[in-house]
Amino acid sequence: MPICIECRHPVTLLYTEYSKADDRSLGKGVRLTQCPQCQRFADKYVEHDFVVLFIDLVLIKPQVYRHLLFNRLSRADDRFDPSIIRLGTLLLLFDVYLTWARIEKTGASPNSPPPTGALSAYPLLLQYLFFLVHCLLGTLSFHLPIRVLCTSPRLGWLRRLTSLPYYKDATALSTALLVSSCTKLFPILLIVWEYDLPSAASAVSWAVIVNNVAALEILMDCGYGRALALVIVGAIARATVGWSMLSAIGLQDRIWNLGDLKMNGVVSDSLFDSLKWIGSWS
């Protein structure tokens, strides 16, 4: 059932269509529904195009997340919307290219010999397949712990002990994480134009983390502290999987030479600094 993106109150309809000849994206042919509780339009994004949605996603506006997660991308059959599958594929392919480029660009010390079994000794196809599996497993290892912690009935005792939120729709959780990861596409500009600012990669990593936390908080209404805890668990799992795969082929030294980017643009030095900060307040 759709909701009002301003106050989360359920509504029957988001808009009334009275002319099929006009384009809804131009604001013609529709009449937006007024929320009976807050008296504002239930979903103003019905008549906005993708550019406006993307800008508001970058600005982390709760209304646009509610529009996407509750009113546009949610399905009654608990399956992924086709547009989310396309987005996930695009993010994965960009992640493969960016991770591969950074690993090659940030090599080991020039005075040290190349590590045994270096990936560069293999054909390009095998290199691509390796990074494809690397990024795919990294993404799965980020999503699965969050899905299990929030949805598994067997972990009710753990949620009561740690105050982690319960959410029955695992598909919606992954949808929120994928939608909030759109900022991972920004580093492609840093590859096209040469740059020597490690802080740029760190800024993008921070942006992804902040968006992930905001998306989970908006979806589950669980508070930012609990959402941050879930993202940290997923990020640690992804970092562990990525480190294990790169270590298996002798590239573990390049992990630390990446500096601001640990694995797949999610676990950065700034994340570990934030963990220390959280620990100081606990």
Protein backbone atom coordinates (compact mmCIF):
# COMPACT_ATOMS: atom_id res chain seq x y z
CA MET A 1 0.00 0.00 0.00
CA PRO A 2 1.44 3.42 -0.91
CA ILE A 3 2.28 5.93 1.79
CA CYS A 4 2.58 9.67 2.15
CA ILE A 5 6.24 10.52 1.66
CA GLU A 6 5.96 13.38 4.16
CA CYS A 7 4.42 11.65 7.20
CA ARG A 8 4.39 7.92 6.22
CA HIS A 9 0.59 7.76 6.56
CA PRO A 10 -0.95 5.08 4.28
CA VAL A 11 -2.98 6.39 1.37
CA THR A 12 -5.21 4.63 -1.12
CA LEU A 13 -4.00 6.41 -4.25
CA LEU A 14 -1.07 8.67 -5.01
CA TYR A 15 -2.75 10.45 -7.89
CA THR A 16 -5.83 10.45 -10.07
CA GLU A 17 -5.29 10.18 -13.80
CA TYR A 18 -7.91 12.04 -15.80
CA SER A 19 -6.26 12.29 -19.22
CA LYS A 20 -4.16 9.56 -20.80
CA ALA A 21 -3.16 11.80 -23.67
CA ASP A 22 -0.78 13.87 -21.57
CA ASP A 23 2.56 12.97 -20.05
CA ARG A 24 2.45 12.33 -16.30
CA SER A 25 6.15 13.24 -15.96
CA LEU A 26 5.29 16.76 -17.13
CA GLY A 27 2.64 17.13 -14.47
CA LYS A 28 -0.20 16.95 -16.95
CA GLY A 29 -3.18 14.67 -16.83
CA VAL A 30 -2.88 13.84 -13.13
CA ARG A 31 -4.17 15.22 -9.87
CA LEU A 32 -2.01 14.49 -6.86
CA THR A 33 -3.66 13.02 -3.79
CA GLN A 34 -3.68 15.09 -0.64
CA CYS A 35 -2.66 13.23 2.51
CA PRO A 36 -5.57 13.15 4.99
CA GLN A 37 -3.17 13.43 7.93
CA CYS A 38 -0.61 16.12 7.04
CA GLN A 39 -2.69 17.81 4.30
CA ARG A 40 0.29 17.84 1.92
CA PHE A 41 0.65 16.04 -1.39
CA ALA A 42 1.08 12.34 -0.69
CA ASP A 43 3.84 11.93 -3.29
CA LYS A 44 5.04 14.94 -5.23
CA TYR A 45 7.66 12.84 -7.05
CA VAL A 46 4.97 11.18 -9.14
CA GLU A 47 5.29 14.01 -11.64
CA HIS A 48 9.06 14.49 -11.39
CA ASP A 49 11.57 13.02 -13.81
CA PHE A 50 14.66 10.94 -13.08
CA VAL A 51 17.05 13.90 -12.93
CA VAL A 52 15.17 15.43 -9.99
CA LEU A 53 15.03 12.06 -8.26
CA PHE A 54 18.77 11.53 -8.65
CA ILE A 55 19.64 14.99 -7.34
CA ASP A 56 17.43 14.49 -4.28
CA LEU A 57 18.99 11.05 -3.74
CA VAL A 58 22.42 12.64 -3.63
CA LEU A 59 21.04 15.21 -1.16
CA ILE A 60 19.64 12.32 0.94
CA LYS A 61 16.11 13.68 1.11
CA PRO A 62 13.89 11.23 3.03
CA GLN A 63 10.92 11.95 0.78
CA VAL A 64 12.61 10.65 -2.37
CA TYR A 65 13.69 7.47 -0.58
CA ARG A 66 10.14 6.87 0.61
CA HIS A 67 8.87 7.48 -2.92
CA LEU A 68 11.24 4.90 -4.36
CA LEU A 69 11.17 2.28 -1.61
CA PHE A 70 7.46 2.33 -0.77
CA ASN A 71 5.60 3.78 -3.75
CA ARG A 72 7.57 2.91 -6.88
CA LEU A 73 9.89 -0.07 -6.37
CA SER A 74 7.96 -2.16 -3.84
CA ARG A 75 6.20 -5.29 -5.09
CA ALA A 76 3.56 -7.48 -3.51
CA ASP A 77 5.37 -10.68 -4.55
CA ASP A 78 8.60 -9.76 -2.68
CA ARG A 79 10.62 -9.86 -5.88
CA PHE A 80 13.05 -7.27 -7.19
CA ASP A 81 11.71 -4.63 -9.52
CA PRO A 82 13.33 -4.98 -12.98
CA SER A 83 14.81 -1.50 -12.70
CA ILE A 84 16.60 -2.51 -9.49
CA ILE A 85 18.08 -5.55 -11.24
CA ARG A 86 19.39 -3.27 -13.97
CA LEU A 87 20.77 -0.84 -11.41
CA GLY A 88 22.48 -3.63 -9.49
CA THR A 89 24.06 -4.94 -12.68
CA LEU A 90 25.29 -1.45 -13.60
CA LEU A 91 26.77 -0.90 -10.13
CA LEU A 92 28.49 -4.27 -10.27
CA LEU A 93 30.06 -3.61 -13.68
CA PHE A 94 31.24 -0.15 -12.63
CA ASP A 95 32.60 -1.63 -9.42
CA VAL A 96 34.58 -4.20 -11.41
CA TYR A 97 36.18 -1.55 -13.59
CA LEU A 98 36.96 0.86 -10.75
CA THR A 99 38.40 -1.81 -8.46
CA TRP A 100 40.51 -3.26 -11.26
CA ALA A 101 41.79 0.18 -12.25
CA ARG A 102 42.71 1.11 -8.69
CA ILE A 103 44.46 -2.19 -8.02
CA GLU A 104 46.60 -1.74 -11.14
CA LYS A 105 47.23 1.97 -10.54
CA THR A 106 48.17 1.52 -6.90
CA GLY A 107 50.86 -1.12 -7.12
CA ALA A 108 53.41 -2.28 -4.66
CA SER A 109 56.67 -0.46 -3.97
CA PRO A 110 58.71 -0.04 -7.17
CA ASN A 111 61.82 -1.42 -5.43
CA SER A 112 60.11 -4.65 -4.39
CA PRO A 113 59.67 -7.63 -6.74
CA PRO A 114 56.17 -8.41 -8.00
CA PRO A 115 54.26 -10.82 -5.76
CA THR A 116 54.13 -14.46 -6.67
CA GLY A 117 51.11 -15.31 -8.71
CA ALA A 118 50.39 -11.66 -9.57
CA LEU A 119 47.17 -11.30 -11.48
CA SER A 120 48.86 -9.36 -14.29
CA ALA A 121 50.54 -12.57 -15.44
CA TYR A 122 47.17 -14.03 -16.47
CA PRO A 123 45.10 -13.26 -19.59
CA LEU A 124 42.83 -10.23 -19.48
CA LEU A 125 39.71 -12.39 -19.55
CA LEU A 126 40.77 -14.22 -16.40
CA GLN A 127 41.65 -10.93 -14.75
CA TYR A 128 38.20 -9.58 -15.56
CA LEU A 129 36.48 -12.73 -14.31
CA PHE A 130 38.47 -12.54 -11.08
CA PHE A 131 37.41 -8.98 -10.36
CA LEU A 132 33.85 -9.79 -11.41
CA VAL A 133 33.70 -12.59 -8.84
CA HIS A 134 35.55 -10.39 -6.35
CA CYS A 135 32.98 -7.58 -6.60
CA LEU A 136 30.00 -9.94 -6.78
CA LEU A 137 31.03 -11.77 -3.61
CA GLY A 138 31.80 -8.46 -1.97
CA THR A 139 28.31 -7.16 -2.73
CA LEU A 140 26.66 -10.36 -1.53
CA SER A 141 28.72 -10.36 1.66
CA PHE A 142 27.57 -6.80 2.32
CA HIS A 143 23.87 -7.51 1.77
CA LEU A 144 23.51 -10.95 3.34
CA PRO A 145 24.51 -10.12 6.95
CA ILE A 146 22.12 -7.16 6.98
CA ARG A 147 19.30 -9.24 5.52
CA VAL A 148 19.87 -12.10 7.96
CA LEU A 149 20.18 -9.88 11.03
CA CYS A 150 16.97 -8.01 10.22
CA THR A 151 14.73 -10.77 8.87
CA SER A 152 15.72 -14.13 10.35
CA PRO A 153 13.16 -15.37 12.93
CA ARG A 154 15.88 -17.46 14.57
CA LEU A 155 17.86 -14.35 15.52
CA GLY A 156 15.10 -12.78 17.57
CA TRP A 157 17.16 -13.27 20.73
CA LEU A 158 20.08 -11.39 19.15
CA ARG A 159 17.85 -8.51 18.10
CA ARG A 160 16.44 -8.27 21.61
CA LEU A 161 19.95 -8.32 23.05
CA THR A 162 21.41 -5.74 20.66
CA SER A 163 18.24 -3.73 19.88
CA LEU A 164 18.69 -4.36 16.17
CA PRO A 165 15.54 -3.69 14.14
CA TYR A 166 13.29 -6.35 12.66
CA TYR A 167 12.07 -6.02 9.08
CA LYS A 168 10.29 -8.84 7.32
CA ASP A 169 10.97 -7.78 3.70
CA ALA A 170 14.53 -8.77 2.80
CA THR A 171 14.04 -7.62 -0.80
CA ALA A 172 13.26 -4.11 0.38
CA LEU A 173 16.47 -4.06 2.41
CA SER A 174 18.60 -4.92 -0.62
CA THR A 175 16.63 -2.45 -2.73
CA ALA A 176 17.40 0.31 -0.23
CA LEU A 177 21.10 -0.56 -0.22
CA LEU A 178 21.30 -0.61 -4.02
CA VAL A 179 19.41 2.65 -4.48
CA SER A 180 21.57 4.38 -1.88
CA SER A 181 24.75 3.13 -3.58
CA CYS A 182 24.23 5.25 -6.69
CA THR A 183 27.01 7.55 -5.51
CA LYS A 184 29.45 4.72 -6.25
CA LEU A 185 29.16 5.79 -9.89
CA PHE A 186 30.89 9.11 -9.21
CA PRO A 187 34.47 7.70 -9.16
CA ILE A 188 34.17 6.91 -12.86
CA LEU A 189 34.87 10.61 -13.42
CA LEU A 190 38.04 10.27 -11.37
CA ILE A 191 39.23 7.55 -13.74
CA VAL A 192 38.47 9.51 -16.90
CA TRP A 193 40.31 12.58 -15.60
CA GLU A 194 43.64 11.89 -13.93
CA TYR A 195 43.76 12.79 -10.28
CA ASP A 196 46.24 12.46 -7.43
CA LEU A 197 43.93 13.22 -4.55
CA PRO A 198 43.35 10.15 -2.36
CA SER A 199 40.83 12.19 -0.40
CA ALA A 200 38.50 12.06 -3.41
CA ALA A 201 38.07 8.28 -3.08
CA SER A 202 37.61 8.68 0.66
CA ALA A 203 34.88 11.28 0.12
CA VAL A 204 32.99 8.95 -2.21
CA SER A 205 33.34 6.10 0.30
CA TRP A 206 31.93 8.32 3.02
CA ALA A 207 29.06 9.34 0.75
CA VAL A 208 28.14 5.71 0.08
CA ILE A 209 28.24 4.85 3.78
CA VAL A 210 26.12 7.86 4.73
CA ASN A 211 23.58 7.07 2.01
CA ASN A 212 23.39 3.41 3.07
CA VAL A 213 22.76 4.40 6.68
CA ALA A 214 20.14 6.96 5.68
CA ALA A 215 18.34 4.51 3.40
CA LEU A 216 18.09 1.82 6.09
CA GLU A 217 16.92 4.35 8.67
CA ILE A 218 14.25 5.73 6.33
CA LEU A 219 13.07 2.25 5.35
CA MET A 220 12.85 0.74 8.83
CA ASP A 221 12.45 3.92 10.91
CA CYS A 222 14.94 2.40 13.33
CA GLY A 223 17.18 5.35 14.19
CA TYR A 224 20.57 6.20 12.75
CA GLY A 225 22.55 4.35 15.41
CA ARG A 226 21.01 0.97 14.58
CA ALA A 227 21.25 1.61 10.85
CA LEU A 228 24.93 2.50 11.23
CA ALA A 229 25.56 -0.70 13.19
CA LEU A 230 24.04 -2.77 10.37
CA VAL A 231 26.12 -1.00 7.72
CA ILE A 232 29.29 -1.53 9.75
CA VAL A 233 28.59 -5.26 10.02
CA GLY A 234 28.04 -5.51 6.27
CA ALA A 235 31.12 -3.42 5.50
CA ILE A 236 33.34 -5.56 7.70
CA ALA A 237 32.02 -8.72 6.02
CA ARG A 238 32.71 -7.25 2.58
CA ALA A 239 36.21 -6.14 3.59
CA THR A 240 36.99 -9.62 4.92
CA VAL A 241 35.86 -11.33 1.72
CA GLY A 242 37.75 -8.87 -0.48
CA TRP A 243 40.94 -9.12 1.55
CA SER A 244 40.80 -12.92 1.44
CA MET A 245 40.46 -12.99 -2.34
CA LEU A 246 43.27 -10.52 -2.99
CA SER A 247 45.50 -12.27 -0.46
CA ALA A 248 44.96 -15.56 -2.27
CA ILE A 249 46.72 -14.18 -5.37
CA GLY A 250 49.43 -12.27 -3.52
CA LEU A 251 47.96 -8.78 -3.78
CA GLN A 252 47.36 -8.17 -0.09
CA ASP A 253 50.05 -5.46 -0.05
CA ARG A 254 48.05 -3.47 -2.59
CA ILE A 255 45.05 -3.47 -0.30
CA TRP A 256 46.87 -1.30 2.20
CA ASN A 257 48.51 0.79 -0.51
CA LEU A 258 45.05 1.81 -1.63
CA GLY A 259 44.99 3.99 1.46
CA ASP A 260 41.52 5.48 1.56
CA LEU A 261 39.82 2.65 -0.31
CA LYS A 262 39.84 -0.74 1.38
CA MET A 263 37.44 -2.92 -0.51
CA ASN A 264 34.94 -1.98 -3.20
CA GLY A 265 34.78 1.65 -2.11
CA VAL A 266 32.96 0.94 1.14
CA VAL A 267 35.41 0.27 3.96
CA SER A 268 37.74 3.23 4.13
CA ASP A 269 40.13 4.56 6.70
CA SER A 270 37.44 6.99 7.67
CA LEU A 271 35.14 4.08 8.56
CA PHE A 272 37.70 2.68 10.96
CA ASP A 273 38.10 6.15 12.46
CA SER A 274 34.33 6.26 12.96
CA LEU A 275 34.43 2.87 14.69
CA LYS A 276 37.00 4.25 17.13
CA TRP A 277 34.81 7.30 17.69
CA ILE A 278 31.75 5.14 18.37
CA GLY A 279 33.77 3.00 20.75
CA SER A 280 34.87 6.06 22.70
CA TRP A 281 31.21 6.90 23.35
CA SER A 282 30.12 3.40 24.29
